[in-house]
N, C-alpha and C. Protein backbone atom coordinates (compact mmCIF):
# COMPACT_ATOMS: atom_id res chain seq x y z
N MET A 1 3.87 17.42 -4.59
CA MET A 1 4.23 17.47 -3.19
C MET A 1 5.75 17.46 -3.06
N SER A 2 6.22 18.00 -1.99
CA SER A 2 7.66 18.04 -1.75
C SER A 2 8.12 16.71 -1.13
N LEU A 3 9.43 16.51 -1.13
CA LEU A 3 10.00 15.32 -0.49
C LEU A 3 9.64 15.29 0.98
N ALA A 4 9.66 16.44 1.64
CA ALA A 4 9.30 16.50 3.06
C ALA A 4 7.86 16.05 3.28
N ASP A 5 6.96 16.47 2.39
CA ASP A 5 5.56 16.04 2.49
C ASP A 5 5.45 14.53 2.27
N ASP A 6 6.13 14.03 1.24
CA ASP A 6 6.12 12.59 0.98
C ASP A 6 6.61 11.81 2.20
N GLU A 7 7.68 12.26 2.79
CA GLU A 7 8.24 11.56 3.96
C GLU A 7 7.27 11.62 5.14
N ARG A 8 6.63 12.74 5.33
CA ARG A 8 5.65 12.88 6.42
C ARG A 8 4.53 11.86 6.28
N TRP A 9 3.97 11.77 5.07
CA TRP A 9 2.85 10.84 4.88
C TRP A 9 3.31 9.39 4.94
N MET A 10 4.51 9.11 4.44
CA MET A 10 5.00 7.73 4.52
C MET A 10 5.26 7.34 5.98
N ARG A 11 5.77 8.26 6.77
CA ARG A 11 5.97 7.95 8.20
C ARG A 11 4.64 7.63 8.88
N ARG A 12 3.59 8.31 8.49
CA ARG A 12 2.26 8.01 9.03
C ARG A 12 1.82 6.62 8.59
N ALA A 13 2.08 6.26 7.35
CA ALA A 13 1.75 4.91 6.88
C ALA A 13 2.52 3.85 7.66
N VAL A 14 3.79 4.12 7.94
CA VAL A 14 4.61 3.18 8.73
C VAL A 14 4.02 3.01 10.12
N GLU A 15 3.61 4.11 10.75
CA GLU A 15 2.97 4.03 12.07
C GLU A 15 1.72 3.15 12.03
N LEU A 16 0.93 3.33 11.01
CA LEU A 16 -0.29 2.53 10.87
C LEU A 16 0.04 1.05 10.72
N GLY A 17 1.00 0.74 9.85
CA GLY A 17 1.38 -0.65 9.65
C GLY A 17 1.96 -1.27 10.92
N ARG A 18 2.74 -0.50 11.65
CA ARG A 18 3.37 -1.00 12.87
C ARG A 18 2.33 -1.47 13.89
N ALA A 19 1.19 -0.81 13.94
CA ALA A 19 0.16 -1.12 14.93
C ALA A 19 -0.38 -2.55 14.81
N ASN A 20 -0.32 -3.14 13.61
CA ASN A 20 -0.90 -4.48 13.42
C ASN A 20 0.14 -5.56 13.14
N VAL A 21 1.42 -5.26 13.29
CA VAL A 21 2.44 -6.29 13.10
C VAL A 21 2.18 -7.44 14.06
N GLY A 22 2.19 -8.65 13.51
CA GLY A 22 1.93 -9.85 14.31
C GLY A 22 0.46 -10.23 14.40
N LEU A 23 -0.42 -9.42 13.84
CA LEU A 23 -1.86 -9.68 13.93
C LEU A 23 -2.48 -10.06 12.60
N THR A 24 -1.68 -10.08 11.53
CA THR A 24 -2.24 -10.22 10.19
C THR A 24 -2.00 -11.60 9.56
N ALA A 25 -1.81 -12.60 10.40
CA ALA A 25 -1.60 -13.99 9.95
C ALA A 25 -0.44 -14.07 8.97
N ASP A 26 -0.62 -14.70 7.83
CA ASP A 26 0.46 -14.86 6.85
C ASP A 26 0.68 -13.60 6.01
N ASN A 27 -0.24 -12.66 6.08
CA ASN A 27 -0.10 -11.42 5.31
C ASN A 27 0.76 -10.42 6.07
N PRO A 28 1.42 -9.54 5.36
CA PRO A 28 2.18 -8.48 6.03
C PRO A 28 1.24 -7.40 6.55
N SER A 29 1.67 -6.67 7.56
CA SER A 29 0.90 -5.53 8.04
C SER A 29 1.34 -4.30 7.26
N VAL A 30 0.45 -3.81 6.43
CA VAL A 30 0.73 -2.68 5.55
C VAL A 30 -0.04 -1.47 6.05
N GLY A 31 0.60 -0.31 5.98
CA GLY A 31 -0.08 0.94 6.27
C GLY A 31 -0.33 1.68 4.97
N CYS A 32 -1.45 2.37 4.88
CA CYS A 32 -1.81 3.13 3.67
C CYS A 32 -2.45 4.45 4.09
N VAL A 33 -1.99 5.53 3.48
CA VAL A 33 -2.57 6.85 3.69
C VAL A 33 -2.90 7.43 2.32
N LEU A 34 -4.13 7.88 2.13
CA LEU A 34 -4.55 8.55 0.90
C LEU A 34 -4.56 10.05 1.16
N VAL A 35 -3.86 10.79 0.30
CA VAL A 35 -3.71 12.23 0.47
C VAL A 35 -4.16 12.94 -0.79
N LYS A 36 -4.95 13.98 -0.60
CA LYS A 36 -5.43 14.78 -1.72
C LYS A 36 -5.34 16.25 -1.34
N ASP A 37 -4.72 17.02 -2.21
CA ASP A 37 -4.55 18.45 -1.97
C ASP A 37 -3.87 18.71 -0.62
N GLY A 38 -2.91 17.85 -0.27
CA GLY A 38 -2.13 18.04 0.94
C GLY A 38 -2.80 17.62 2.23
N VAL A 39 -3.97 16.98 2.13
CA VAL A 39 -4.73 16.58 3.31
C VAL A 39 -4.99 15.07 3.25
N ALA A 40 -4.79 14.39 4.38
CA ALA A 40 -5.12 12.96 4.44
C ALA A 40 -6.63 12.81 4.40
N ILE A 41 -7.10 12.03 3.43
CA ILE A 41 -8.55 11.84 3.30
C ILE A 41 -8.99 10.47 3.82
N ALA A 42 -8.05 9.53 3.93
CA ALA A 42 -8.37 8.20 4.47
C ALA A 42 -7.08 7.48 4.78
N TRP A 43 -7.15 6.53 5.70
CA TRP A 43 -5.97 5.75 6.07
C TRP A 43 -6.43 4.44 6.69
N ALA A 44 -5.53 3.45 6.63
CA ALA A 44 -5.86 2.14 7.18
C ALA A 44 -4.60 1.31 7.28
N ALA A 45 -4.73 0.22 8.01
CA ALA A 45 -3.69 -0.82 8.09
C ALA A 45 -4.35 -2.15 7.77
N THR A 46 -3.57 -3.09 7.31
CA THR A 46 -4.09 -4.43 7.05
C THR A 46 -4.84 -4.89 8.31
N ALA A 47 -6.01 -5.42 8.14
CA ALA A 47 -6.85 -5.82 9.26
C ALA A 47 -6.29 -7.06 9.94
N PRO A 48 -6.59 -7.22 11.23
CA PRO A 48 -6.21 -8.46 11.92
C PRO A 48 -6.72 -9.67 11.12
N GLY A 49 -5.89 -10.67 11.00
CA GLY A 49 -6.22 -11.84 10.20
C GLY A 49 -5.75 -11.71 8.76
N GLY A 50 -5.36 -10.50 8.34
CA GLY A 50 -4.79 -10.30 7.01
C GLY A 50 -5.71 -9.75 5.95
N ARG A 51 -7.00 -9.64 6.24
CA ARG A 51 -7.95 -9.09 5.28
C ARG A 51 -8.98 -8.27 6.01
N PRO A 52 -9.46 -7.20 5.43
CA PRO A 52 -9.07 -6.62 4.16
C PRO A 52 -7.69 -5.96 4.22
N HIS A 53 -7.12 -5.80 3.03
CA HIS A 53 -5.83 -5.14 2.90
C HIS A 53 -5.99 -3.65 3.22
N ALA A 54 -4.88 -3.01 3.56
CA ALA A 54 -4.88 -1.59 3.93
C ALA A 54 -5.44 -0.72 2.81
N GLU A 55 -4.98 -0.96 1.58
CA GLU A 55 -5.42 -0.13 0.47
C GLU A 55 -6.92 -0.23 0.25
N GLU A 56 -7.47 -1.43 0.32
CA GLU A 56 -8.90 -1.55 0.05
C GLU A 56 -9.73 -0.89 1.14
N GLN A 57 -9.27 -0.92 2.38
CA GLN A 57 -9.99 -0.24 3.45
C GLN A 57 -9.93 1.28 3.29
N ALA A 58 -8.74 1.79 2.98
CA ALA A 58 -8.58 3.24 2.80
C ALA A 58 -9.41 3.73 1.62
N LEU A 59 -9.41 2.98 0.53
CA LEU A 59 -10.20 3.37 -0.64
C LEU A 59 -11.70 3.36 -0.33
N ALA A 60 -12.14 2.36 0.42
CA ALA A 60 -13.56 2.31 0.80
C ALA A 60 -13.93 3.51 1.67
N ALA A 61 -13.04 3.88 2.58
CA ALA A 61 -13.30 5.03 3.45
C ALA A 61 -13.32 6.33 2.67
N ALA A 62 -12.47 6.45 1.67
CA ALA A 62 -12.38 7.68 0.88
C ALA A 62 -13.52 7.81 -0.12
N GLY A 63 -13.99 6.69 -0.65
CA GLY A 63 -15.03 6.75 -1.67
C GLY A 63 -14.58 7.53 -2.88
N ASP A 64 -15.46 8.33 -3.44
CA ASP A 64 -15.15 9.10 -4.65
C ASP A 64 -14.04 10.13 -4.45
N ALA A 65 -13.78 10.50 -3.22
CA ALA A 65 -12.72 11.48 -2.94
C ALA A 65 -11.34 10.95 -3.30
N ALA A 66 -11.21 9.63 -3.48
CA ALA A 66 -9.91 9.04 -3.83
C ALA A 66 -9.45 9.44 -5.23
N ARG A 67 -10.38 9.86 -6.09
CA ARG A 67 -10.00 10.25 -7.45
C ARG A 67 -9.06 11.45 -7.38
N GLY A 68 -7.86 11.27 -7.97
CA GLY A 68 -6.86 12.33 -7.97
C GLY A 68 -5.94 12.32 -6.76
N ALA A 69 -6.09 11.35 -5.88
CA ALA A 69 -5.29 11.28 -4.66
C ALA A 69 -3.95 10.59 -4.89
N VAL A 70 -3.09 10.73 -3.90
CA VAL A 70 -1.81 10.02 -3.83
C VAL A 70 -1.94 8.98 -2.72
N ALA A 71 -1.51 7.76 -2.99
CA ALA A 71 -1.52 6.69 -1.98
C ALA A 71 -0.10 6.45 -1.49
N TYR A 72 0.08 6.50 -0.19
CA TYR A 72 1.36 6.17 0.45
C TYR A 72 1.17 4.82 1.11
N VAL A 73 1.94 3.84 0.65
CA VAL A 73 1.82 2.48 1.19
C VAL A 73 3.20 1.96 1.58
N THR A 74 3.24 1.19 2.64
CA THR A 74 4.52 0.71 3.14
C THR A 74 5.07 -0.46 2.34
N LEU A 75 4.21 -1.12 1.57
CA LEU A 75 4.63 -2.27 0.78
C LEU A 75 3.93 -2.20 -0.57
N GLU A 76 4.63 -2.61 -1.60
CA GLU A 76 4.06 -2.63 -2.95
C GLU A 76 2.66 -3.22 -2.95
N PRO A 77 1.69 -2.54 -3.55
CA PRO A 77 0.34 -3.10 -3.62
C PRO A 77 0.33 -4.43 -4.39
N CYS A 78 -0.50 -5.35 -3.92
CA CYS A 78 -0.59 -6.64 -4.60
C CYS A 78 -1.07 -6.44 -6.03
N GLY A 79 -0.54 -7.26 -6.92
CA GLY A 79 -0.92 -7.21 -8.33
C GLY A 79 -1.97 -8.24 -8.68
N GLN A 80 -2.14 -9.23 -7.81
CA GLN A 80 -3.21 -10.21 -7.94
C GLN A 80 -3.50 -10.74 -6.55
N ARG A 81 -4.63 -11.39 -6.40
CA ARG A 81 -5.05 -11.90 -5.10
C ARG A 81 -5.15 -13.41 -5.15
N SER A 82 -5.02 -14.03 -3.99
CA SER A 82 -5.19 -15.47 -3.90
C SER A 82 -6.68 -15.83 -3.89
N THR A 83 -7.53 -14.83 -3.74
CA THR A 83 -8.98 -15.02 -3.80
C THR A 83 -9.48 -14.42 -5.11
N ASP A 84 -10.72 -14.60 -5.39
CA ASP A 84 -11.30 -14.11 -6.65
C ASP A 84 -11.82 -12.69 -6.50
N THR A 85 -10.94 -11.79 -6.01
CA THR A 85 -11.30 -10.38 -5.86
C THR A 85 -10.22 -9.52 -6.51
N ALA A 86 -10.55 -8.27 -6.73
CA ALA A 86 -9.61 -7.35 -7.37
C ALA A 86 -8.38 -7.12 -6.48
N SER A 87 -7.23 -7.03 -7.12
CA SER A 87 -5.99 -6.75 -6.39
C SER A 87 -6.00 -5.30 -5.92
N CYS A 88 -5.10 -4.99 -5.01
CA CYS A 88 -4.99 -3.60 -4.54
C CYS A 88 -4.56 -2.67 -5.67
N ALA A 89 -3.67 -3.14 -6.54
CA ALA A 89 -3.26 -2.31 -7.68
C ALA A 89 -4.48 -2.01 -8.56
N GLU A 90 -5.30 -3.00 -8.83
CA GLU A 90 -6.50 -2.79 -9.65
C GLU A 90 -7.47 -1.83 -8.97
N ARG A 91 -7.60 -1.95 -7.67
CA ARG A 91 -8.50 -1.07 -6.92
C ARG A 91 -8.01 0.38 -6.94
N LEU A 92 -6.70 0.56 -6.80
CA LEU A 92 -6.13 1.91 -6.84
C LEU A 92 -6.37 2.55 -8.20
N VAL A 93 -6.18 1.78 -9.25
CA VAL A 93 -6.43 2.28 -10.61
C VAL A 93 -7.91 2.64 -10.78
N ALA A 94 -8.80 1.74 -10.40
CA ALA A 94 -10.23 1.96 -10.56
C ALA A 94 -10.72 3.18 -9.77
N ALA A 95 -10.08 3.45 -8.64
CA ALA A 95 -10.47 4.57 -7.80
C ALA A 95 -9.97 5.90 -8.35
N GLY A 96 -9.04 5.87 -9.32
CA GLY A 96 -8.54 7.10 -9.90
C GLY A 96 -7.37 7.71 -9.16
N VAL A 97 -6.67 6.90 -8.35
CA VAL A 97 -5.47 7.39 -7.68
C VAL A 97 -4.44 7.72 -8.76
N VAL A 98 -3.76 8.87 -8.65
CA VAL A 98 -2.85 9.31 -9.71
C VAL A 98 -1.38 8.99 -9.43
N ARG A 99 -1.07 8.71 -8.17
CA ARG A 99 0.31 8.42 -7.80
C ARG A 99 0.31 7.48 -6.62
N VAL A 100 1.25 6.52 -6.65
CA VAL A 100 1.44 5.60 -5.53
C VAL A 100 2.90 5.69 -5.11
N VAL A 101 3.11 5.95 -3.83
CA VAL A 101 4.44 5.98 -3.26
C VAL A 101 4.53 4.76 -2.34
N ALA A 102 5.38 3.81 -2.70
CA ALA A 102 5.53 2.57 -1.93
C ALA A 102 6.93 2.52 -1.34
N ALA A 103 7.02 2.21 -0.06
CA ALA A 103 8.32 2.17 0.61
C ALA A 103 9.13 0.95 0.19
N CYS A 104 8.50 -0.23 0.19
CA CYS A 104 9.22 -1.48 -0.06
C CYS A 104 8.58 -2.27 -1.20
N ALA A 105 9.41 -2.94 -1.95
CA ALA A 105 8.91 -3.92 -2.92
C ALA A 105 8.46 -5.15 -2.15
N ASP A 106 7.56 -5.92 -2.72
CA ASP A 106 7.05 -7.13 -2.08
C ASP A 106 7.52 -8.33 -2.89
N ALA A 107 8.21 -9.26 -2.23
CA ALA A 107 8.74 -10.45 -2.90
C ALA A 107 7.69 -11.53 -3.12
N SER A 108 6.48 -11.33 -2.64
CA SER A 108 5.42 -12.32 -2.82
C SER A 108 5.15 -12.55 -4.30
N THR A 109 4.80 -13.76 -4.64
CA THR A 109 4.46 -14.07 -6.03
C THR A 109 3.20 -13.33 -6.48
N LEU A 110 2.42 -12.80 -5.53
CA LEU A 110 1.22 -12.05 -5.87
C LEU A 110 1.50 -10.56 -6.06
N ALA A 111 2.74 -10.18 -5.83
CA ALA A 111 3.14 -8.78 -6.02
C ALA A 111 4.40 -8.77 -6.87
N SER A 112 5.55 -8.84 -6.25
CA SER A 112 6.86 -8.95 -6.91
C SER A 112 6.95 -8.23 -8.24
N GLY A 113 6.68 -6.94 -8.22
CA GLY A 113 6.75 -6.13 -9.43
C GLY A 113 5.44 -6.08 -10.20
N LEU A 114 4.57 -7.05 -9.99
CA LEU A 114 3.30 -7.09 -10.72
C LEU A 114 2.40 -5.92 -10.33
N GLY A 115 2.35 -5.61 -9.03
CA GLY A 115 1.54 -4.48 -8.58
C GLY A 115 2.01 -3.18 -9.20
N VAL A 116 3.32 -2.95 -9.15
CA VAL A 116 3.90 -1.74 -9.72
C VAL A 116 3.63 -1.69 -11.23
N GLN A 117 3.81 -2.81 -11.90
CA GLN A 117 3.60 -2.85 -13.35
C GLN A 117 2.15 -2.56 -13.72
N ARG A 118 1.21 -3.15 -12.99
CA ARG A 118 -0.21 -2.88 -13.27
C ARG A 118 -0.52 -1.39 -13.12
N LEU A 119 0.03 -0.78 -12.07
CA LEU A 119 -0.19 0.64 -11.85
C LEU A 119 0.39 1.47 -12.99
N ARG A 120 1.64 1.21 -13.33
CA ARG A 120 2.30 1.98 -14.40
C ARG A 120 1.62 1.77 -15.73
N ASP A 121 1.20 0.54 -16.02
CA ASP A 121 0.51 0.27 -17.29
C ASP A 121 -0.79 1.07 -17.40
N ALA A 122 -1.38 1.39 -16.26
CA ALA A 122 -2.63 2.16 -16.25
C ALA A 122 -2.37 3.67 -16.19
N GLY A 123 -1.10 4.07 -16.22
CA GLY A 123 -0.77 5.49 -16.22
C GLY A 123 -0.61 6.11 -14.86
N VAL A 124 -0.57 5.29 -13.82
CA VAL A 124 -0.37 5.79 -12.46
C VAL A 124 1.13 5.96 -12.22
N GLU A 125 1.51 7.12 -11.72
CA GLU A 125 2.91 7.36 -11.37
C GLU A 125 3.25 6.52 -10.13
N VAL A 126 4.39 5.85 -10.15
CA VAL A 126 4.81 5.02 -9.02
C VAL A 126 6.22 5.41 -8.61
N ASP A 127 6.38 5.66 -7.32
CA ASP A 127 7.69 5.90 -6.73
C ASP A 127 7.93 4.80 -5.71
N LEU A 128 9.05 4.12 -5.83
CA LEU A 128 9.35 2.98 -4.96
C LEU A 128 10.63 3.26 -4.18
N GLY A 129 10.60 3.00 -2.86
CA GLY A 129 11.80 3.07 -2.05
C GLY A 129 11.85 4.20 -1.04
N LEU A 130 10.84 5.06 -0.97
CA LEU A 130 10.86 6.15 0.00
C LEU A 130 10.76 5.58 1.42
N LEU A 131 11.73 5.92 2.26
CA LEU A 131 11.81 5.45 3.65
C LEU A 131 11.79 3.92 3.74
N GLN A 132 12.43 3.30 2.79
CA GLN A 132 12.45 1.84 2.72
C GLN A 132 12.98 1.21 4.00
N ALA A 133 14.06 1.74 4.57
CA ALA A 133 14.64 1.15 5.77
C ALA A 133 13.66 1.20 6.94
N GLU A 134 12.94 2.30 7.07
CA GLU A 134 11.96 2.41 8.16
C GLU A 134 10.82 1.42 7.98
N ALA A 135 10.31 1.32 6.77
CA ALA A 135 9.19 0.41 6.51
C ALA A 135 9.63 -1.04 6.56
N ALA A 136 10.85 -1.33 6.14
CA ALA A 136 11.34 -2.72 6.11
C ALA A 136 11.32 -3.35 7.50
N ALA A 137 11.43 -2.53 8.53
CA ALA A 137 11.38 -3.05 9.90
C ALA A 137 10.04 -3.74 10.19
N LEU A 138 8.99 -3.40 9.44
CA LEU A 138 7.69 -4.03 9.62
C LEU A 138 7.67 -5.48 9.11
N TYR A 139 8.62 -5.81 8.24
CA TYR A 139 8.53 -7.06 7.50
C TYR A 139 9.61 -8.08 7.84
N GLY A 140 10.25 -7.91 8.98
CA GLY A 140 11.30 -8.85 9.40
C GLY A 140 10.82 -10.29 9.50
N ALA A 141 9.59 -10.50 9.97
CA ALA A 141 9.06 -11.85 10.13
C ALA A 141 8.18 -12.28 8.97
N TYR A 142 7.93 -11.40 8.01
CA TYR A 142 7.06 -11.70 6.87
C TYR A 142 7.76 -12.64 5.92
N ARG A 143 7.13 -13.75 5.61
CA ARG A 143 7.66 -14.72 4.66
C ARG A 143 6.67 -14.83 3.50
N PRO A 144 6.94 -14.09 2.42
CA PRO A 144 5.98 -14.08 1.31
C PRO A 144 5.85 -15.43 0.64
N ARG A 145 4.74 -15.60 -0.05
CA ARG A 145 4.49 -16.83 -0.79
C ARG A 145 5.63 -17.10 -1.75
N GLY A 146 6.04 -18.34 -1.79
CA GLY A 146 7.10 -18.74 -2.70
C GLY A 146 8.49 -18.54 -2.15
N SER A 147 8.60 -18.00 -0.92
CA SER A 147 9.93 -17.83 -0.34
C SER A 147 10.27 -19.02 0.56
N PRO A 148 11.56 -19.25 0.80
CA PRO A 148 11.94 -20.40 1.64
C PRO A 148 11.53 -20.25 3.07
């Protein structure tokens, strides 16, 4: 995909995340768009209350069509969960997503590079920082675990 395509899909993810800012409890409001062959196949935002996460909702909506897709997410996918369920990074890998474009890194102890590392270790291409300034506006009030 071209840079213009990447920016288009990331802007859509930002719009999705913006819709739930302030409704996701201690979790950040993340937007996620799954794109395959230039077409959005599924999208979601973190649910009110903070669960389910955007990625897990989008993957559930896409089903098997997620194999070979690109995921555009406004915040680094979590690398582990505070509950006994698979992280978003693990879910993206299991679904067969081939590339993840994340706007912002997540300082949470459950992400903080761990999500990106899990993806890369599994052979998923990761691009970090696309439209970071636009997406960062979603996280002004977000205080990740382990932060002051």
